[in-house]
């Protein structure tokens, strides 16, 4: 999220195959789950730029799955 804000002035399209994640980001209630701090941090980024949350099918999420798996196994966050 921070890299998207840094690199572009355009609105950021946030795609997720999890309806729970999308509703957590678009909801106004305080998230007290174990991931609540992460949700609050993402919401703070969303205040800095226009973010467009989109629910996608799990089958459409293969690229992000491969990138996340690479980052996990290679211990790298390079883009």
C-alpha atoms as a PDB file:
ATOM      1  CA  UNK A   1       0.000   0.000   0.000  1.00  0.00           C
ATOM      2  CA  UNK A   2       2.753   2.436   0.898  1.00  0.00           C
ATOM      3  CA  UNK A   3       4.623   1.619  -2.325  1.00  0.00           C
ATOM      4  CA  UNK A   4       1.477   2.231  -4.379  1.00  0.00           C
ATOM      5  CA  UNK A   5       1.046   5.621  -2.723  1.00  0.00           C
ATOM      6  CA  UNK A   6       4.713   6.435  -3.299  1.00  0.00           C
ATOM      7  CA  UNK A   7       4.901   5.402  -6.940  1.00  0.00           C
ATOM      8  CA  UNK A   8       1.650   6.762  -8.365  1.00  0.00           C
ATOM      9  CA  UNK A   9      -0.899   9.532  -7.950  1.00  0.00           C
ATOM     10  CA  UNK A  10      -3.673   7.391  -9.417  1.00  0.00           C
ATOM     11  CA  UNK A  11      -6.370   5.647  -7.383  1.00  0.00           C
ATOM     12  CA  UNK A  12      -5.265   2.262  -6.036  1.00  0.00           C
ATOM     13  CA  UNK A  13      -7.320  -0.815  -6.915  1.00  0.00           C
ATOM     14  CA  UNK A  14      -7.243  -3.298  -4.034  1.00  0.00           C
ATOM     15  CA  UNK A  15      -8.296  -6.791  -5.115  1.00  0.00           C
ATOM     16  CA  UNK A  16      -8.983  -9.626  -2.709  1.00  0.00           C
ATOM     17  CA  UNK A  17     -10.615 -13.020  -2.907  1.00  0.00           C
ATOM     18  CA  UNK A  18     -11.714 -12.635   0.725  1.00  0.00           C
ATOM     19  CA  UNK A  19     -15.020 -10.905   1.343  1.00  0.00           C
ATOM     20  CA  UNK A  20     -14.102 -10.750   5.043  1.00  0.00           C
ATOM     21  CA  UNK A  21     -10.949  -8.746   4.200  1.00  0.00           C
ATOM     22  CA  UNK A  22     -12.844  -6.367   1.911  1.00  0.00           C
ATOM     23  CA  UNK A  23     -15.587  -5.786   4.489  1.00  0.00           C
ATOM     24  CA  UNK A  24     -12.944  -5.207   7.197  1.00  0.00           C
ATOM     25  CA  UNK A  25     -11.363  -2.476   5.092  1.00  0.00           C
ATOM     26  CA  UNK A  26     -14.619  -0.792   4.119  1.00  0.00           C
ATOM     27  CA  UNK A  27     -16.390  -1.143   7.489  1.00  0.00           C
ATOM     28  CA  UNK A  28     -16.389   1.555  10.142  1.00  0.00           C
ATOM     29  CA  UNK A  29     -16.364  -0.709  13.194  1.00  0.00           C
ATOM     30  CA  UNK A  30     -13.246  -1.255  15.288  1.00  0.00           C
ATOM     31  CA  UNK A  31     -11.612  -4.578  14.427  1.00  0.00           C
ATOM     32  CA  UNK A  32     -10.527  -6.412  17.575  1.00  0.00           C
ATOM     33  CA  UNK A  33      -9.306  -9.513  15.763  1.00  0.00           C
ATOM     34  CA  UNK A  34      -5.641 -10.610  15.826  1.00  0.00           C
ATOM     35  CA  UNK A  35      -5.263  -8.749  12.497  1.00  0.00           C
ATOM     36  CA  UNK A  36      -6.947  -5.587  13.781  1.00  0.00           C
ATOM     37  CA  UNK A  37      -3.731  -3.569  13.890  1.00  0.00           C
ATOM     38  CA  UNK A  38      -2.992  -4.458  10.266  1.00  0.00           C
ATOM     39  CA  UNK A  39      -6.528  -3.436   9.259  1.00  0.00           C
ATOM     40  CA  UNK A  40      -6.097  -0.079  11.038  1.00  0.00           C
ATOM     41  CA  UNK A  41      -2.756   0.493   9.299  1.00  0.00           C
ATOM     42  CA  UNK A  42      -4.275  -0.234   5.881  1.00  0.00           C
ATOM     43  CA  UNK A  43      -7.226   2.070   6.640  1.00  0.00           C
ATOM     44  CA  UNK A  44      -4.732   4.854   7.430  1.00  0.00           C
ATOM     45  CA  UNK A  45      -3.183   4.366   3.987  1.00  0.00           C
ATOM     46  CA  UNK A  46      -6.653   4.474   2.470  1.00  0.00           C
ATOM     47  CA  UNK A  47      -7.086   7.997   3.898  1.00  0.00           C
ATOM     48  CA  UNK A  48      -4.072   9.223   1.910  1.00  0.00           C
ATOM     49  CA  UNK A  49      -5.286   8.094  -1.515  1.00  0.00           C
ATOM     50  CA  UNK A  50      -8.425   6.868  -3.208  1.00  0.00           C
ATOM     51  CA  UNK A  51      -8.584   3.101  -2.822  1.00  0.00           C
ATOM     52  CA  UNK A  52     -11.074   0.993  -4.739  1.00  0.00           C
ATOM     53  CA  UNK A  53     -11.723  -2.365  -3.030  1.00  0.00           C
ATOM     54  CA  UNK A  54     -12.803  -5.157  -5.408  1.00  0.00           C
ATOM     55  CA  UNK A  55     -13.847  -8.723  -4.590  1.00  0.00           C
ATOM     56  CA  UNK A  56     -12.410 -11.192  -7.102  1.00  0.00           C
ATOM     57  CA  UNK A  57     -12.660 -14.937  -7.518  1.00  0.00           C
ATOM     58  CA  UNK A  58      -9.977 -17.088  -5.890  1.00  0.00           C
ATOM     59  CA  UNK A  59      -9.000 -18.402  -9.340  1.00  0.00           C
ATOM     60  CA  UNK A  60      -8.226 -14.815 -10.406  1.00  0.00           C
ATOM     61  CA  UNK A  61      -5.762 -14.414  -7.542  1.00  0.00           C
ATOM     62  CA  UNK A  62      -2.982 -16.702  -8.873  1.00  0.00           C
ATOM     63  CA  UNK A  63      -0.438 -13.941  -9.573  1.00  0.00           C
ATOM     64  CA  UNK A  64      -0.577 -12.535  -6.045  1.00  0.00           C
ATOM     65  CA  UNK A  65      -0.428 -16.075  -4.648  1.00  0.00           C
ATOM     66  CA  UNK A  66       2.747 -16.774  -6.658  1.00  0.00           C
ATOM     67  CA  UNK A  67       4.338 -13.470  -5.573  1.00  0.00           C
ATOM     68  CA  UNK A  68       3.513 -14.066  -1.920  1.00  0.00           C
ATOM     69  CA  UNK A  69       4.857 -17.605  -2.117  1.00  0.00           C
ATOM     70  CA  UNK A  70       8.057 -16.342  -3.745  1.00  0.00           C
ATOM     71  CA  UNK A  71       8.515 -13.685  -1.048  1.00  0.00           C
ATOM     72  CA  UNK A  72       7.978 -16.308   1.655  1.00  0.00           C
ATOM     73  CA  UNK A  73      10.401 -18.876   0.226  1.00  0.00           C
ATOM     74  CA  UNK A  74      13.076 -16.508  -1.105  1.00  0.00           C
ATOM     75  CA  UNK A  75      12.833 -14.189   1.897  1.00  0.00           C
ATOM     76  CA  UNK A  76      12.683 -11.284  -0.519  1.00  0.00           C
ATOM     77  CA  UNK A  77      10.306  -8.370  -0.969  1.00  0.00           C
ATOM     78  CA  UNK A  78      11.874  -7.116  -4.213  1.00  0.00           C
ATOM     79  CA  UNK A  79       9.447  -5.983  -6.898  1.00  0.00           C
END
